[in-house]
Protein backbone atom coordinates (compact mmCIF):
# COMPACT_ATOMS: atom_id res chain seq x y z
CA MET A 1 26.94 -101.82 -2.70
CA ASN A 2 24.85 -102.95 0.46
CA LYS A 3 21.29 -104.69 0.05
CA GLN A 4 19.53 -101.83 -1.03
CA GLY A 5 21.52 -101.02 -3.85
CA LYS A 6 23.27 -97.87 -1.95
CA TYR A 7 26.85 -97.29 -1.93
CA ILE A 8 29.03 -97.92 1.53
CA ARG A 9 32.27 -95.25 2.24
CA THR A 10 34.74 -98.24 3.76
CA LYS A 11 37.49 -96.48 5.73
CA GLU A 12 39.60 -97.47 2.37
CA THR A 13 37.78 -95.84 0.28
CA LYS A 14 37.58 -92.16 2.52
CA LEU A 15 41.04 -92.50 2.74
CA LYS A 16 41.44 -92.58 -0.77
CA ASP A 17 38.88 -90.17 -1.15
CA SER A 18 40.71 -87.73 1.58
CA LEU A 19 43.93 -88.23 -0.48
CA ALA A 20 42.61 -86.93 -3.30
CA LEU A 21 40.94 -84.01 -2.26
CA LYS A 22 44.46 -82.82 -0.36
CA GLU A 23 45.60 -83.22 -3.98
CA LYS A 24 43.08 -81.46 -6.47
CA TRP A 25 42.81 -78.68 -3.12
CA LYS A 26 46.49 -78.00 -4.49
CA ASP A 27 45.36 -76.65 -7.61
CA GLU A 28 44.84 -73.06 -7.14
CA ASN A 29 42.38 -72.79 -10.07
CA TRP A 30 40.12 -75.76 -8.78
CA ARG A 31 40.06 -74.95 -5.13
CA ASN A 32 38.95 -70.71 -5.85
CA ASN A 33 35.98 -72.41 -7.91
CA GLN A 34 35.21 -74.26 -5.47
CA ILE A 35 35.31 -71.00 -2.82
CA LYS A 36 33.16 -70.16 -4.72
CA ALA A 37 30.24 -72.42 -5.60
CA ILE A 38 30.30 -73.08 -1.46
CA LYS A 39 29.77 -69.44 -0.94
CA GLN A 40 26.92 -69.63 -3.38
CA GLY A 41 25.64 -72.45 -1.22
CA HIS A 42 26.47 -75.43 -3.94
CA SER A 43 29.68 -77.18 -4.80
CA LYS A 44 30.99 -78.18 -7.91
CA LEU A 45 31.10 -82.19 -6.80
CA GLN A 46 27.69 -81.76 -5.23
CA THR A 47 25.95 -80.31 -8.54
CA LYS A 48 21.85 -81.48 -7.81
CA GLU A 49 21.71 -80.55 -4.22
CA LYS A 50 22.93 -77.95 -1.36
CA ILE A 51 25.91 -78.61 0.74
CA SER A 52 25.36 -79.01 4.57
CA LYS A 53 26.28 -76.33 6.76
CA LEU A 54 28.64 -78.52 8.67
CA GLN A 55 30.28 -79.22 5.11
CA LYS A 56 30.34 -75.83 3.84
CA LYS A 57 31.87 -74.58 7.50
CA ARG A 58 34.64 -77.45 7.04
CA TRP A 59 35.59 -76.32 3.54
CA LEU A 60 35.88 -72.74 4.56
CA ASN A 61 38.38 -74.21 7.39
CA GLN A 62 40.16 -76.02 4.82
CA ALA A 63 40.41 -72.69 2.63
CA SER A 64 41.58 -70.83 5.30
CA LYS A 65 44.10 -73.80 6.89
CA TYR A 66 45.21 -73.26 2.89
CA LYS A 67 45.80 -69.34 2.86
CA ILE A 68 47.62 -69.05 6.41
CA GLU A 69 50.36 -71.98 5.02
CA GLN A 70 50.73 -70.42 2.26
CA LYS A 71 51.70 -67.01 3.96
CA PHE A 72 53.60 -68.22 6.36
CA ASN A 73 55.43 -71.01 4.59
CA LYS A 74 54.72 -73.05 7.64
CA PRO A 75 52.41 -76.20 8.26
CA ILE A 76 49.38 -74.98 10.47
CA ASN A 77 50.41 -77.05 13.32
CA SER A 78 53.72 -75.36 13.93
CA ILE A 79 52.38 -71.75 13.29
CA LEU A 80 49.94 -72.19 16.48
CA HIS A 81 52.23 -73.74 18.53
CA GLU A 82 55.21 -71.25 17.57
CA LEU A 83 52.21 -68.22 18.16
CA TYR A 84 50.24 -70.18 21.09
CA TRP A 85 54.03 -71.28 22.91
CA ASN A 86 56.44 -69.23 21.52
CA LYS A 87 54.85 -65.67 21.74
CA LYS A 88 52.58 -66.17 24.66
CA LEU A 89 49.06 -65.56 22.50
CA GLY A 90 45.90 -66.46 24.00
CA LEU A 91 43.16 -68.56 21.51
CA LYS A 92 41.17 -64.76 21.23
CA GLU A 93 44.40 -63.32 20.30
CA ILE A 94 45.72 -65.97 17.87
CA SER A 95 41.78 -65.51 16.25
CA ASN A 96 42.53 -61.84 15.68
CA PHE A 97 46.10 -62.44 14.27
CA LEU A 98 45.06 -64.86 11.58
CA ASN A 99 41.69 -63.03 11.23
CA ILE A 100 39.26 -66.04 11.75
CA PRO A 101 36.95 -67.64 14.08
CA ILE A 102 38.06 -68.22 17.48
CA SER A 103 36.01 -71.76 17.22
CA THR A 104 37.98 -72.78 14.75
CA VAL A 105 41.51 -71.86 16.51
CA GLY A 106 39.80 -74.18 18.95
CA MET A 107 39.16 -76.74 16.22
CA TRP A 108 42.67 -76.87 15.20
CA PHE A 109 44.00 -77.21 18.49
CA ARG A 110 42.07 -80.32 18.96
CA GLU A 111 43.26 -81.43 15.72
CA PHE A 112 46.81 -81.45 16.19
CA ASN A 113 46.36 -82.41 19.63
CA ILE A 114 48.21 -78.95 20.43
CA LYS A 115 48.31 -78.86 24.76
CA THR A 116 47.14 -75.48 26.44
CA ARG A 117 48.77 -73.95 29.22
CA SER A 118 46.54 -74.27 33.00
CA MET A 119 45.07 -70.95 34.29
CA SER A 120 47.62 -71.07 36.74
CA ASP A 121 49.87 -70.80 34.17
CA ILE A 122 48.28 -67.97 32.48
CA LYS A 123 47.74 -66.21 35.28
CA LYS A 124 51.47 -66.62 36.53
CA GLU A 125 52.27 -65.15 32.79
CA GLN A 126 49.92 -62.69 33.57
CA TYR A 127 51.08 -61.06 36.80
CA GLN A 128 54.76 -60.87 34.99
CA ASN A 129 53.45 -58.39 32.74
CA PRO A 130 53.85 -55.00 34.70
CA GLU A 131 51.14 -53.35 32.88
CA ILE A 132 49.02 -56.50 34.48
CA LYS A 133 50.59 -56.07 37.17
CA GLU A 134 50.27 -52.44 38.29
CA LYS A 135 46.59 -52.55 36.85
CA MET A 136 45.48 -55.05 39.37
CA ARG A 137 47.46 -53.32 42.36
CA ASN A 138 45.17 -50.15 41.07
CA SER A 139 42.08 -52.53 41.51
CA LYS A 140 42.63 -54.26 44.92
CA ARG A 141 43.89 -50.68 46.25
CA ARG A 142 40.22 -49.45 44.69
CA ASN A 143 38.50 -52.47 46.49
CA TRP A 144 40.04 -52.21 49.63
CA ALA A 145 39.08 -48.41 49.91
CA ASN A 146 35.31 -49.61 50.54
CA LYS A 147 34.54 -49.96 53.82
CA ASN A 148 31.84 -52.52 52.87
CA TYR A 149 34.52 -54.74 50.87
CA ARG A 150 36.62 -54.50 53.68
CA GLU A 151 35.13 -55.49 56.26
CA LYS A 152 33.55 -58.25 53.63
CA GLN A 153 37.30 -59.36 53.02
CA LEU A 154 38.52 -59.41 56.98
CA LYS A 155 35.66 -61.71 57.85
CA ALA A 156 35.92 -64.03 55.04
CA ILE A 157 39.36 -64.11 56.50
CA LEU A 158 39.10 -64.62 59.64
CA LYS A 159 36.37 -66.84 59.18
CA GLY A 160 39.42 -69.16 56.99
CA LEU A 161 42.57 -69.00 59.33
CA PHE A 162 41.61 -70.91 61.94
CA LYS A 163 39.07 -73.94 62.65
CA ARG A 164 36.28 -72.08 64.64
CA PRO A 165 35.11 -72.84 67.59
CA THR A 166 38.27 -73.47 69.25
CA SER A 167 38.81 -75.61 72.40
CA LEU A 168 38.67 -73.15 75.02
CA GLU A 169 36.13 -71.17 73.11
CA GLN A 170 33.80 -74.50 73.25
CA LYS A 171 34.15 -74.23 76.68
CA MET A 172 33.11 -70.59 77.15
CA ILE A 173 30.39 -71.66 74.91
CA ASP A 174 29.02 -74.57 77.00
CA PHE A 175 29.44 -72.20 80.29
CA ILE A 176 27.57 -69.60 78.57
CA GLN A 177 24.59 -71.99 77.82
CA LYS A 178 24.45 -73.64 81.37
CA HIS A 179 24.41 -70.64 83.18
CA ASN A 180 21.98 -69.37 80.79
CA LEU A 181 23.51 -66.09 80.06
CA PRO A 182 22.85 -63.64 77.84
CA PHE A 183 25.99 -63.39 75.07
CA LYS A 184 26.58 -65.41 71.80
CA TYR A 185 29.64 -66.33 69.81
CA CYS A 186 30.77 -64.34 67.11
CA GLY A 187 34.62 -65.11 67.44
CA ASP A 188 33.99 -66.60 63.45
CA GLY A 189 34.16 -63.29 62.19
CA SER A 190 30.34 -62.61 61.92
CA ILE A 191 30.77 -59.25 63.66
CA LEU A 192 33.48 -56.78 63.68
CA ILE A 193 34.07 -53.66 65.82
CA GLY A 194 36.46 -51.44 64.24
CA PHE A 195 37.76 -54.02 62.19
CA LYS A 196 38.60 -56.02 65.37
CA ASN A 197 36.69 -59.75 66.64
CA PRO A 198 35.60 -60.71 69.72
CA ASP A 199 34.74 -63.73 70.73
CA PHE A 200 31.57 -62.87 72.32
CA VAL A 201 28.71 -60.48 72.35
CA GLU A 202 25.93 -59.61 75.05
CA ASN A 203 23.27 -60.43 72.64
CA ASN A 204 20.47 -57.76 74.46
CA GLY A 205 21.59 -55.01 72.60
CA ARG A 206 23.71 -53.97 75.48
CA LYS A 207 27.25 -52.77 74.34
CA LEU A 208 29.47 -55.69 76.03
CA CYS A 209 32.13 -58.29 74.79
CA ILE A 210 34.08 -61.17 76.15
CA GLU A 211 37.63 -62.40 74.60
CA ILE A 212 39.59 -65.13 75.44
CA ALA A 213 43.20 -65.91 75.30
CA ASN A 214 45.03 -68.55 76.08
CA LYS A 215 49.00 -68.12 77.36
CA VAL A 216 50.91 -68.76 73.49
CA LYS A 217 52.96 -65.64 73.46
CA PHE A 218 53.06 -64.79 69.02
CA MET A 219 49.16 -65.00 69.65
CA HIS A 220 48.92 -63.44 72.70
CA PRO A 221 51.70 -61.03 73.82
CA ASP A 222 52.33 -59.52 76.95
CA GLY A 223 50.25 -55.91 76.64
CA TRP A 224 47.40 -57.50 74.65
CA ASP A 225 44.63 -57.51 76.57
CA ILE A 226 45.20 -53.91 77.53
CA LYS A 227 45.45 -52.83 73.98
CA ARG A 228 42.09 -55.11 73.10
CA ILE A 229 40.33 -53.35 75.57
CA GLU A 230 41.32 -50.06 74.50
CA HIS A 231 40.68 -50.76 71.27
CA PHE A 232 36.89 -52.12 71.91
CA ALA A 233 36.59 -48.80 74.22
CA LYS A 234 37.25 -46.49 71.39
CA TYR A 235 34.20 -47.69 70.27
CA GLY A 236 31.79 -47.31 73.01
CA TRP A 237 32.49 -51.22 74.07
CA LYS A 238 33.29 -52.60 77.27
CA CYS A 239 35.45 -55.83 77.31
CA LEU A 240 36.00 -58.69 79.57
CA VAL A 241 39.34 -60.52 79.02
CA LEU A 242 39.44 -64.33 79.96
CA TRP A 243 42.79 -66.11 80.19
CA GLU A 244 42.28 -69.85 79.75
CA ASP A 245 43.28 -70.56 83.64
CA GLU A 246 40.14 -68.29 84.67
CA LEU A 247 38.01 -70.97 82.71
CA LYS A 248 38.95 -73.73 85.34
CA ASN A 249 37.35 -72.13 88.05
CA GLU A 250 33.64 -71.98 87.62
CA ASP A 251 32.16 -69.95 90.68
CA LYS A 252 34.69 -66.95 89.98
CA LEU A 253 34.22 -67.13 86.03
CA LEU A 254 30.88 -66.37 87.04
CA GLU A 255 30.96 -64.20 89.47
CA LYS A 256 33.42 -62.09 87.11
CA ILE A 257 31.10 -62.20 84.14
CA LYS A 258 28.30 -61.09 86.06
CA LYS A 259 30.15 -58.29 87.82
CA ILE A 260 30.94 -56.74 84.16
CA MET A 261 27.43 -56.98 83.15
CA GLY A 262 25.95 -55.24 86.49
CA SER A 263 28.98 -52.31 85.88
CA TYR A 264 27.56 -51.44 82.47
């Protein structure tokens, strides 16, 4: 009792009440009477006032827990662990299997400190399932058949492949700005021509593009420049391929760019 004459529950009394309640709950008649009273909105233990929604929910969860334990003849934490980790069921699937709300399943997982799988683990498990794997493949094929989707994905891939602009591309950007040439940088994947990305395009509407290439064989093997020019030509574009050593002589470089601009 406090100074106002109200009864205060200590940790010891709470523990005693909890143990007493668990013992009572084992009595089937008492349990059924409690469940009936809860569904009607009143408790036999609290005849003078209605129980709260939270308390009602707790009592119903306790009833569900007891029924499940009786059905499987196992503690609820063992049942949940087996369904989740051994049978690889998700929370929603466990909810459907035990015929209880998913919020109750989540509450029990927290109550018994049952570890859950990470999203990466769940995705790995899903991908190991042949049916799910086939569905994902079919979905990717359908998406890739869409021209807009394919182009959008290629642009995103090109943007993420390398740090852009490269040192050679930056050198060319500086050169274009210095001589006020009508070209803009697009080597970041912002423009695709037949699903290939040039480094620079003329910004006055004419179909002129420039490619910057280094001497690294695996990136630009023999004949790469000819194939690149032929590819863009199929779409009506004139392409000038500049190798890294050509960027060193600014006078010759300017003359070469002006020549292709005049020949269009």
